[in-house]
Amino acid sequence: MSYTIFDIPILRNLLQGLSLLVLKIFGWRRSGRLPEIPKYVMIAAPHTSNWDFPITLAIVFAFKMRLNWLGKEAIFRWPFGTFFKWLGGIPVNRSKSGDVVAQTIQAFKEKAIMVMMLAPEGTRKKVKYWKTGFYHIANGANVPIVLGFLDYVRKVGGIGPSLIPTGNIESDMAKIRAFYDTISGKSPDKSTPAMIAPQG
């Protein structure tokens, strides 16, 4: 894992104060508590707008979270590539999703502390199903899944419940869907229910 903004205590403290102020100005508040566990996969959902990224970033800084996230290679090109990596971003080739899952599982096994934030919808456009990479990473690395969220109706962002993957993805997704069915994205018409393609 490369050196990121989260490794600089003075910046983390400064950004927390600034983010709390910005959230207050725009009428947002944070909710929940950071899990007291060293490693987990955090879902970022729903993802329906370009506004999701800056608001999520403000929530992350408000919690003083230290995390990584995966992004398509294109956003890591000049002139923003170095900046996004500094924010914990890791570029991936989406055409090799199986390799990404395996490499992320290996990273979890090698690190004593690691939080990976993933957006299962994969895009802010409406899609039919969630991608299952987040689940297979958590299951393969034997780490919990934490449900992060942005609710634009209540203007609340933060950390919901967590669950340990059982290996029964349909059963686990039913629990995840029950939570996200109560959350509203900025553009509900682009929101994808927490459902996966039929298995088998």
Protein backbone atom coordinates (compact mmCIF):
# COMPACT_ATOMS: atom_id res chain seq x y z
CA MET A 1 0.00 0.00 0.00
CA SER A 2 1.43 3.34 -1.01
CA TYR A 3 1.86 6.35 1.26
CA THR A 4 -1.42 8.27 1.47
CA ILE A 5 -2.96 11.33 3.08
CA PHE A 6 -4.28 9.06 5.84
CA ASP A 7 -0.72 8.46 7.06
CA ILE A 8 -0.24 12.11 8.08
CA PRO A 9 -1.81 12.71 11.53
CA ILE A 10 -1.77 16.51 11.37
CA LEU A 11 -3.58 16.46 8.01
CA ARG A 12 -6.12 13.94 9.27
CA ASN A 13 -6.96 16.22 12.19
CA LEU A 14 -7.14 19.31 10.00
CA LEU A 15 -9.29 17.62 7.38
CA GLN A 16 -11.63 16.23 10.02
CA GLY A 17 -12.37 19.71 11.35
CA LEU A 18 -12.76 21.17 7.87
CA SER A 19 -15.01 18.32 6.71
CA LEU A 20 -17.28 18.57 9.74
CA LEU A 21 -17.66 22.29 9.02
CA VAL A 22 -18.40 21.76 5.33
CA LEU A 23 -20.94 19.03 6.08
CA LYS A 24 -22.68 21.32 8.56
CA ILE A 25 -22.78 24.20 6.08
CA PHE A 26 -24.46 22.01 3.47
CA GLY A 27 -26.86 20.47 5.97
CA TRP A 28 -25.26 17.03 6.09
CA ARG A 29 -24.38 15.00 9.16
CA ARG A 30 -22.46 11.82 9.79
CA SER A 31 -23.97 8.75 11.41
CA GLY A 32 -22.62 5.56 12.94
CA ARG A 33 -19.27 4.53 14.36
CA LEU A 34 -16.10 3.08 12.90
CA PRO A 35 -15.90 -0.68 13.49
CA GLU A 36 -13.21 -1.58 16.01
CA ILE A 37 -11.70 -4.15 13.68
CA PRO A 38 -8.49 -3.83 11.66
CA LYS A 39 -9.68 -5.14 8.30
CA TYR A 40 -12.94 -5.03 6.40
CA VAL A 41 -14.59 -4.27 3.06
CA MET A 42 -16.84 -1.18 3.12
CA ILE A 43 -19.65 -0.79 0.61
CA ALA A 44 -20.20 2.70 -0.81
CA ALA A 45 -23.81 2.94 -1.99
CA PRO A 46 -25.97 4.08 -3.58
CA HIS A 47 -23.87 5.62 -6.34
CA THR A 48 -26.01 7.79 -8.62
CA SER A 49 -24.22 11.14 -8.93
CA ASN A 50 -20.86 12.85 -9.31
CA TRP A 51 -21.62 14.47 -5.95
CA ASP A 52 -21.20 11.09 -4.24
CA PHE A 53 -17.41 11.28 -4.39
CA PRO A 54 -16.85 14.65 -2.65
CA ILE A 55 -19.54 13.97 -0.04
CA THR A 56 -18.13 10.51 0.66
CA LEU A 57 -14.68 12.05 0.95
CA ALA A 58 -15.97 14.57 3.50
CA ILE A 59 -17.61 11.76 5.49
CA VAL A 60 -14.39 9.73 5.36
CA PHE A 61 -12.35 12.66 6.66
CA ALA A 62 -14.98 13.43 9.32
CA PHE A 63 -14.56 9.90 10.68
CA LYS A 64 -10.76 10.06 10.28
CA MET A 65 -11.01 6.82 8.36
CA ARG A 66 -7.95 5.30 6.74
CA LEU A 67 -8.95 3.46 3.60
CA ASN A 68 -8.24 2.42 0.06
CA TRP A 69 -10.56 2.29 -2.91
CA LEU A 70 -10.41 0.88 -6.43
CA GLY A 71 -10.98 3.06 -9.48
CA LYS A 72 -10.82 2.58 -13.24
CA GLU A 73 -7.39 3.29 -14.70
CA ALA A 74 -8.62 6.29 -16.70
CA ILE A 75 -9.12 8.52 -13.66
CA PHE A 76 -5.54 7.94 -12.54
CA ARG A 77 -4.05 9.55 -15.63
CA TRP A 78 -2.36 12.95 -15.56
CA PRO A 79 -3.08 15.42 -14.08
CA PHE A 80 -5.10 13.82 -11.25
CA GLY A 81 -3.48 10.38 -10.98
CA THR A 82 -1.02 11.20 -8.21
CA PHE A 83 -3.68 13.06 -6.25
CA PHE A 84 -6.15 10.16 -6.37
CA LYS A 85 -3.45 7.70 -5.28
CA TRP A 86 -2.63 10.04 -2.40
CA LEU A 87 -6.30 9.76 -1.42
CA GLY A 88 -5.92 5.98 -1.19
CA GLY A 89 -7.01 5.12 -4.72
CA ILE A 90 -5.73 2.03 -6.49
CA PRO A 91 -6.09 1.86 -10.31
CA VAL A 92 -7.56 -1.34 -11.73
CA ASN A 93 -8.18 -2.79 -15.17
CA ARG A 94 -11.91 -3.61 -15.14
CA SER A 95 -11.45 -6.10 -17.97
CA LYS A 96 -9.59 -8.36 -15.53
CA SER A 97 -12.07 -8.46 -12.65
CA GLY A 98 -11.02 -11.94 -11.51
CA ASP A 99 -7.43 -10.79 -11.14
CA VAL A 100 -8.56 -7.73 -9.18
CA VAL A 101 -10.46 -9.91 -6.69
CA ALA A 102 -7.50 -12.27 -6.22
CA GLN A 103 -5.00 -9.43 -5.85
CA THR A 104 -7.20 -7.62 -3.32
CA ILE A 105 -7.68 -10.78 -1.28
CA GLN A 106 -3.90 -11.24 -1.23
CA ALA A 107 -3.43 -7.63 -0.11
CA PHE A 108 -5.83 -8.21 2.79
CA LYS A 109 -3.83 -11.27 3.83
CA GLU A 110 -0.55 -9.34 3.73
CA LYS A 111 -1.71 -6.25 5.64
CA ALA A 112 -2.33 -6.01 9.38
CA ILE A 113 -4.70 -3.07 8.83
CA MET A 114 -6.73 -2.55 5.68
CA VAL A 115 -10.11 -1.03 4.83
CA MET A 116 -11.20 -1.30 1.20
CA MET A 117 -14.14 0.84 0.04
CA LEU A 118 -15.96 -0.44 -3.03
CA ALA A 119 -19.01 0.75 -4.99
CA PRO A 120 -20.83 -2.43 -6.10
CA GLU A 121 -22.90 -0.59 -8.71
CA GLY A 122 -19.64 0.16 -10.52
CA THR A 123 -21.08 3.27 -12.18
CA ARG A 124 -23.45 6.15 -11.40
CA LYS A 125 -25.68 5.02 -14.28
CA LYS A 126 -28.54 2.63 -13.59
CA VAL A 127 -27.56 -1.01 -14.03
CA LYS A 128 -29.53 -4.22 -13.54
CA TYR A 129 -27.38 -5.85 -10.88
CA TRP A 130 -24.65 -5.09 -8.37
CA LYS A 131 -21.19 -6.43 -9.11
CA THR A 132 -20.21 -9.19 -6.69
CA GLY A 133 -16.49 -8.43 -6.38
CA PHE A 134 -16.93 -6.81 -2.96
CA TYR A 135 -18.54 -9.99 -1.64
CA HIS A 136 -15.96 -12.39 -3.07
CA ILE A 137 -13.13 -10.22 -1.74
CA ALA A 138 -14.59 -10.16 1.77
CA ASN A 139 -15.44 -13.86 1.71
CA GLY A 140 -12.04 -14.84 0.31
CA ALA A 141 -10.13 -12.64 2.76
CA ASN A 142 -12.37 -13.70 5.66
CA VAL A 143 -13.18 -10.11 6.63
CA PRO A 144 -16.53 -8.44 7.42
CA ILE A 145 -18.59 -6.33 5.03
CA VAL A 146 -19.50 -2.91 6.46
CA LEU A 147 -22.43 -1.04 4.93
CA GLY A 148 -21.46 2.56 4.16
CA PHE A 149 -24.13 4.88 2.79
CA LEU A 150 -25.21 8.34 1.61
CA ASP A 151 -28.89 9.16 2.12
CA TYR A 152 -29.73 12.36 0.21
CA VAL A 153 -33.28 12.58 1.57
CA ARG A 154 -32.14 12.75 5.19
CA LYS A 155 -28.76 14.26 4.26
CA VAL A 156 -27.00 11.65 6.36
CA GLY A 157 -23.88 9.75 5.43
CA GLY A 158 -21.97 7.22 7.39
CA ILE A 159 -21.60 3.69 8.60
CA GLY A 160 -24.39 1.16 8.90
CA PRO A 161 -24.33 -2.43 10.14
CA SER A 162 -21.74 -5.05 9.26
CA LEU A 163 -21.96 -8.73 8.48
CA ILE A 164 -19.62 -11.68 8.14
CA PRO A 165 -19.99 -13.37 4.73
CA THR A 166 -21.35 -16.89 5.17
CA GLY A 167 -20.54 -18.06 1.65
CA ASN A 168 -24.27 -18.09 0.86
CA ILE A 169 -24.31 -14.97 -1.27
CA GLU A 170 -28.07 -14.98 -1.91
CA SER A 171 -28.87 -15.08 1.81
CA ASP A 172 -26.27 -12.44 2.68
CA MET A 173 -27.42 -10.15 -0.13
CA ALA A 174 -30.99 -10.29 1.19
CA LYS A 175 -29.73 -8.76 4.46
CA ILE A 176 -27.71 -6.13 2.59
CA ARG A 177 -30.69 -5.28 0.36
CA ALA A 178 -32.97 -4.84 3.40
CA PHE A 179 -30.66 -2.07 4.62
CA TYR A 180 -30.15 -0.25 1.33
CA ASP A 181 -33.85 -0.36 0.47
CA THR A 182 -34.22 2.35 3.15
CA ILE A 183 -31.49 4.60 1.63
CA SER A 184 -32.10 7.19 -1.11
CA GLY A 185 -29.43 8.29 -3.59
CA LYS A 186 -29.31 11.75 -5.17
CA SER A 187 -30.90 10.45 -8.39
CA PRO A 188 -33.29 7.64 -7.39
CA ASP A 189 -34.06 6.88 -11.05
CA LYS A 190 -30.42 5.81 -11.48
CA SER A 191 -30.29 3.74 -8.30
CA THR A 192 -29.76 -0.01 -8.58
CA PRO A 193 -31.37 -2.22 -5.92
CA ALA A 194 -28.89 -4.36 -3.98
CA MET A 195 -29.45 -7.42 -6.17
CA ILE A 196 -27.05 -9.71 -7.97
CA ALA A 197 -27.41 -11.72 -11.15
CA PRO A 198 -28.86 -15.23 -10.68
CA GLN A 199 -26.14 -17.60 -9.52
CA GLY A 200 -25.31 -20.96 -11.00
